[in-house]
Amino acid sequence: MARPMPRGSPFRPNMKITFKLFATLTDYLPAERQYNAVELEVDPATTIGSLVARFNLPEKLVHLVLVNGVYVAPEERMARALVDGDTLAIWPPVAGG
C-alpha cells in the first residue's frame, strides 16, 4: 500500500482549483482570465486567506465567499483549506435600491 507523500514534498503534485471573482473584484484577476475566472495550479496547503493575499484583495471587499457553491462563514474563511478541484467564488458587498 502506497504511503501518502508529506506536505511540501517535491514529488507531491500541485492541485488545480477555479478562482472566480465577481463585480468590481474582477479587476484583481490577471488580464489573461476567462471572463471572471482563472484556473490555478496551487500548493496543497493553499487556503482562502492565502489566495486573498496573493491577489491583493482588500479584506473589507471579501464579503460573500463560496466553495463549491457552499457558503463559508467569515470566521472560517482565512484558514479554510482548499482541495483539488474546488471552485472558490468571492463577491464584494452589494448595494442596490
N, C-alpha and C. Protein backbone atom coordinates (compact mmCIF):
# COMPACT_ATOMS: atom_id res chain seq x y z
N MET A 1 0.84 -1.18 0.00
CA MET A 1 0.00 0.00 0.00
C MET A 1 0.89 1.24 0.00
N ALA A 2 0.61 2.17 -0.89
CA ALA A 2 1.41 3.38 -1.01
C ALA A 2 1.14 4.32 0.15
N ARG A 3 2.21 4.90 0.68
CA ARG A 3 2.05 5.88 1.76
C ARG A 3 1.86 7.26 1.15
N PRO A 4 1.04 8.11 1.78
CA PRO A 4 0.88 9.47 1.25
C PRO A 4 2.17 10.25 1.40
N MET A 5 2.43 11.11 0.44
CA MET A 5 3.64 11.93 0.49
C MET A 5 3.41 13.09 1.44
N PRO A 6 4.44 13.48 2.19
CA PRO A 6 4.29 14.59 3.14
C PRO A 6 4.09 15.91 2.41
N ARG A 7 3.43 16.85 3.10
CA ARG A 7 3.26 18.19 2.53
C ARG A 7 4.63 18.78 2.25
N GLY A 8 4.70 19.54 1.18
CA GLY A 8 5.95 20.16 0.83
C GLY A 8 6.91 19.25 0.08
N SER A 9 6.51 18.02 -0.16
CA SER A 9 7.36 17.09 -0.89
C SER A 9 7.46 17.54 -2.34
N PRO A 10 8.67 17.50 -2.92
CA PRO A 10 8.79 17.87 -4.33
C PRO A 10 8.08 16.87 -5.24
N PHE A 11 7.69 15.72 -4.70
CA PHE A 11 7.01 14.71 -5.50
C PHE A 11 5.50 14.80 -5.40
N ARG A 12 5.01 15.61 -4.49
CA ARG A 12 3.57 15.76 -4.34
C ARG A 12 3.09 16.80 -5.34
N PRO A 13 2.21 16.43 -6.25
CA PRO A 13 1.80 17.37 -7.28
C PRO A 13 0.93 18.48 -6.72
N ASN A 14 0.97 19.60 -7.42
CA ASN A 14 0.08 20.70 -7.07
C ASN A 14 -1.35 20.31 -7.40
N MET A 15 -2.29 21.09 -6.89
CA MET A 15 -3.69 20.83 -7.18
C MET A 15 -4.24 21.96 -8.03
N LYS A 16 -5.33 21.68 -8.72
CA LYS A 16 -5.96 22.68 -9.58
C LYS A 16 -7.28 23.11 -8.97
N ILE A 17 -7.49 24.44 -8.97
CA ILE A 17 -8.75 25.00 -8.50
C ILE A 17 -9.22 26.04 -9.49
N THR A 18 -10.49 26.40 -9.39
CA THR A 18 -11.05 27.51 -10.16
C THR A 18 -11.30 28.65 -9.18
N PHE A 19 -10.84 29.84 -9.55
CA PHE A 19 -10.98 31.03 -8.70
C PHE A 19 -11.83 32.03 -9.45
N LYS A 20 -12.98 32.39 -8.86
CA LYS A 20 -13.91 33.32 -9.51
C LYS A 20 -14.10 34.56 -8.63
N LEU A 21 -14.03 35.72 -9.28
CA LEU A 21 -14.32 36.98 -8.60
C LEU A 21 -15.46 37.65 -9.34
N PHE A 22 -16.29 38.39 -8.61
CA PHE A 22 -17.48 39.00 -9.19
C PHE A 22 -17.48 40.51 -8.99
N ALA A 23 -18.26 41.17 -9.86
CA ALA A 23 -18.45 42.63 -9.82
C ALA A 23 -17.10 43.34 -9.87
N THR A 24 -16.88 44.31 -9.00
CA THR A 24 -15.65 45.11 -9.06
C THR A 24 -14.39 44.32 -8.72
N LEU A 25 -14.54 43.16 -8.12
CA LEU A 25 -13.36 42.35 -7.77
C LEU A 25 -12.68 41.75 -9.00
N THR A 26 -13.37 41.68 -10.13
CA THR A 26 -12.74 41.09 -11.33
C THR A 26 -11.49 41.86 -11.75
N ASP A 27 -11.39 43.12 -11.35
CA ASP A 27 -10.20 43.91 -11.68
C ASP A 27 -8.94 43.34 -11.04
N TYR A 28 -9.07 42.51 -10.04
CA TYR A 28 -7.92 41.93 -9.36
C TYR A 28 -7.41 40.65 -10.03
N LEU A 29 -8.13 40.15 -11.01
CA LEU A 29 -7.70 38.95 -11.73
C LEU A 29 -6.69 39.32 -12.82
N PRO A 30 -5.86 38.38 -13.23
CA PRO A 30 -4.90 38.66 -14.31
C PRO A 30 -5.61 38.94 -15.63
N ALA A 31 -4.95 39.66 -16.50
CA ALA A 31 -5.54 40.06 -17.78
C ALA A 31 -5.91 38.87 -18.65
N GLU A 32 -5.21 37.75 -18.53
CA GLU A 32 -5.47 36.58 -19.39
C GLU A 32 -6.62 35.72 -18.89
N ARG A 33 -7.40 36.22 -17.98
CA ARG A 33 -8.53 35.45 -17.42
C ARG A 33 -9.61 35.18 -18.45
N GLN A 34 -10.44 34.19 -18.16
CA GLN A 34 -11.64 33.90 -18.94
C GLN A 34 -12.81 34.52 -18.19
N TYR A 35 -13.30 35.63 -18.66
CA TYR A 35 -14.41 36.34 -18.01
C TYR A 35 -14.03 36.68 -16.57
N ASN A 36 -14.70 36.06 -15.60
CA ASN A 36 -14.44 36.39 -14.20
C ASN A 36 -13.71 35.28 -13.46
N ALA A 37 -13.08 34.37 -14.18
CA ALA A 37 -12.47 33.20 -13.53
C ALA A 37 -11.09 32.89 -14.08
N VAL A 38 -10.29 32.26 -13.22
CA VAL A 38 -8.99 31.73 -13.64
C VAL A 38 -8.84 30.32 -13.08
N GLU A 39 -8.18 29.48 -13.84
CA GLU A 39 -7.81 28.15 -13.37
C GLU A 39 -6.41 28.31 -12.78
N LEU A 40 -6.24 27.85 -11.55
CA LEU A 40 -4.95 27.99 -10.87
C LEU A 40 -4.39 26.64 -10.48
N GLU A 41 -3.08 26.53 -10.56
CA GLU A 41 -2.39 25.37 -10.01
C GLU A 41 -1.73 25.88 -8.73
N VAL A 42 -2.15 25.32 -7.60
CA VAL A 42 -1.72 25.83 -6.30
C VAL A 42 -1.15 24.70 -5.44
N ASP A 43 -0.44 25.10 -4.41
CA ASP A 43 0.12 24.17 -3.43
C ASP A 43 -1.00 23.50 -2.64
N PRO A 44 -0.82 22.25 -2.25
CA PRO A 44 -1.85 21.56 -1.48
C PRO A 44 -2.22 22.22 -0.15
N ALA A 45 -1.39 23.10 0.37
CA ALA A 45 -1.68 23.77 1.64
C ALA A 45 -2.41 25.10 1.44
N THR A 46 -2.86 25.40 0.24
CA THR A 46 -3.47 26.70 -0.06
C THR A 46 -4.78 26.88 0.70
N THR A 47 -4.94 28.09 1.27
CA THR A 47 -6.17 28.46 1.97
C THR A 47 -6.85 29.61 1.24
N ILE A 48 -8.09 29.87 1.63
CA ILE A 48 -8.79 31.04 1.08
C ILE A 48 -7.98 32.30 1.40
N GLY A 49 -7.50 32.40 2.62
CA GLY A 49 -6.72 33.57 3.03
C GLY A 49 -5.47 33.77 2.19
N SER A 50 -4.79 32.69 1.83
CA SER A 50 -3.58 32.83 1.03
C SER A 50 -3.90 33.33 -0.38
N LEU A 51 -5.05 32.94 -0.93
CA LEU A 51 -5.44 33.45 -2.25
C LEU A 51 -5.89 34.90 -2.17
N VAL A 52 -6.59 35.27 -1.11
CA VAL A 52 -6.97 36.67 -0.91
C VAL A 52 -5.71 37.53 -0.88
N ALA A 53 -4.68 37.08 -0.17
CA ALA A 53 -3.42 37.82 -0.10
C ALA A 53 -2.69 37.81 -1.44
N ARG A 54 -2.64 36.67 -2.10
CA ARG A 54 -1.93 36.55 -3.39
C ARG A 54 -2.48 37.51 -4.44
N PHE A 55 -3.80 37.71 -4.44
CA PHE A 55 -4.42 38.59 -5.42
C PHE A 55 -4.67 39.99 -4.88
N ASN A 56 -4.13 40.29 -3.70
CA ASN A 56 -4.22 41.61 -3.09
C ASN A 56 -5.66 42.11 -2.93
N LEU A 57 -6.56 41.20 -2.57
CA LEU A 57 -7.95 41.60 -2.36
C LEU A 57 -8.08 42.28 -1.00
N PRO A 58 -8.65 43.49 -0.97
CA PRO A 58 -8.89 44.13 0.33
C PRO A 58 -9.90 43.30 1.13
N GLU A 59 -9.56 42.95 2.36
CA GLU A 59 -10.44 42.08 3.15
C GLU A 59 -11.83 42.68 3.32
N LYS A 60 -11.95 44.01 3.36
CA LYS A 60 -13.27 44.63 3.51
C LYS A 60 -14.15 44.40 2.27
N LEU A 61 -13.54 44.03 1.14
CA LEU A 61 -14.30 43.74 -0.07
C LEU A 61 -14.60 42.25 -0.24
N VAL A 62 -14.05 41.43 0.63
CA VAL A 62 -14.30 39.99 0.58
C VAL A 62 -15.55 39.74 1.44
N HIS A 63 -16.72 39.82 0.79
CA HIS A 63 -17.98 39.83 1.54
C HIS A 63 -18.67 38.47 1.54
N LEU A 64 -18.94 37.93 0.37
CA LEU A 64 -19.62 36.65 0.24
C LEU A 64 -18.64 35.66 -0.37
N VAL A 65 -18.40 34.55 0.33
CA VAL A 65 -17.42 33.56 -0.10
C VAL A 65 -18.10 32.20 -0.17
N LEU A 66 -17.95 31.54 -1.33
CA LEU A 66 -18.48 30.20 -1.52
C LEU A 66 -17.37 29.27 -2.01
N VAL A 67 -17.38 28.05 -1.51
CA VAL A 67 -16.51 27.00 -2.04
C VAL A 67 -17.43 25.90 -2.54
N ASN A 68 -17.36 25.66 -3.84
CA ASN A 68 -18.23 24.67 -4.49
C ASN A 68 -19.70 24.96 -4.23
N GLY A 69 -20.04 26.26 -4.20
CA GLY A 69 -21.42 26.67 -4.01
C GLY A 69 -21.90 26.67 -2.57
N VAL A 70 -21.02 26.38 -1.62
CA VAL A 70 -21.38 26.33 -0.20
C VAL A 70 -20.77 27.54 0.51
N TYR A 71 -21.62 28.27 1.25
CA TYR A 71 -21.21 29.46 1.98
C TYR A 71 -20.13 29.14 3.00
N VAL A 72 -19.11 30.02 3.08
CA VAL A 72 -18.06 29.90 4.09
C VAL A 72 -18.18 31.11 5.01
N ALA A 73 -18.43 30.87 6.29
CA ALA A 73 -18.62 31.94 7.27
C ALA A 73 -17.35 32.77 7.43
N PRO A 74 -17.50 34.07 7.75
CA PRO A 74 -16.33 34.95 7.88
C PRO A 74 -15.25 34.43 8.83
N GLU A 75 -15.64 33.84 9.94
CA GLU A 75 -14.64 33.38 10.91
C GLU A 75 -13.87 32.15 10.44
N GLU A 76 -14.33 31.50 9.39
CA GLU A 76 -13.67 30.30 8.86
C GLU A 76 -12.85 30.57 7.60
N ARG A 77 -13.04 31.72 6.99
CA ARG A 77 -12.53 31.98 5.64
C ARG A 77 -11.02 31.93 5.51
N MET A 78 -10.31 32.66 6.34
CA MET A 78 -8.88 32.82 6.10
C MET A 78 -8.11 31.51 6.30
N ALA A 79 -8.57 30.64 7.18
CA ALA A 79 -7.85 29.39 7.45
C ALA A 79 -8.41 28.21 6.68
N ARG A 80 -9.52 28.38 5.97
CA ARG A 80 -10.18 27.27 5.26
C ARG A 80 -9.29 26.77 4.14
N ALA A 81 -8.86 25.51 4.23
CA ALA A 81 -8.01 24.91 3.19
C ALA A 81 -8.85 24.51 1.99
N LEU A 82 -8.26 24.63 0.82
CA LEU A 82 -8.90 24.21 -0.42
C LEU A 82 -8.35 22.84 -0.81
N VAL A 83 -9.13 22.11 -1.61
CA VAL A 83 -8.69 20.81 -2.09
C VAL A 83 -8.77 20.78 -3.61
N ASP A 84 -8.10 19.82 -4.20
CA ASP A 84 -8.07 19.68 -5.65
C ASP A 84 -9.48 19.67 -6.24
N GLY A 85 -9.69 20.50 -7.26
CA GLY A 85 -10.98 20.55 -7.93
C GLY A 85 -11.95 21.56 -7.38
N ASP A 86 -11.62 22.22 -6.25
CA ASP A 86 -12.52 23.21 -5.67
C ASP A 86 -12.73 24.40 -6.59
N THR A 87 -13.90 25.03 -6.44
CA THR A 87 -14.19 26.31 -7.06
C THR A 87 -14.42 27.31 -5.93
N LEU A 88 -13.58 28.33 -5.87
CA LEU A 88 -13.70 29.40 -4.88
C LEU A 88 -14.28 30.61 -5.57
N ALA A 89 -15.39 31.13 -5.04
CA ALA A 89 -16.05 32.31 -5.60
C ALA A 89 -16.19 33.37 -4.52
N ILE A 90 -15.84 34.62 -4.88
CA ILE A 90 -15.89 35.72 -3.92
C ILE A 90 -16.63 36.90 -4.54
N TRP A 91 -17.56 37.47 -3.76
CA TRP A 91 -18.31 38.67 -4.15
C TRP A 91 -17.99 39.81 -3.18
N PRO A 92 -17.99 41.04 -3.68
CA PRO A 92 -17.87 42.19 -2.79
C PRO A 92 -19.24 42.51 -2.18
N PRO A 93 -19.30 43.46 -1.23
CA PRO A 93 -20.61 43.88 -0.74
C PRO A 93 -21.44 44.42 -1.90
N VAL A 94 -22.73 44.15 -1.86
CA VAL A 94 -23.61 44.58 -2.94
C VAL A 94 -24.57 45.63 -2.40
N ALA A 95 -24.72 46.71 -3.14
CA ALA A 95 -25.68 47.76 -2.77
C ALA A 95 -26.69 47.89 -3.89
N GLY A 96 -27.85 48.24 -3.53
CA GLY A 96 -28.89 48.39 -4.56
C GLY A 96 -30.03 49.23 -4.03
N GLY A 97 -30.94 49.43 -4.91
CA GLY A 97 -32.06 50.23 -4.45
C GLY A 97 -33.19 50.22 -5.42
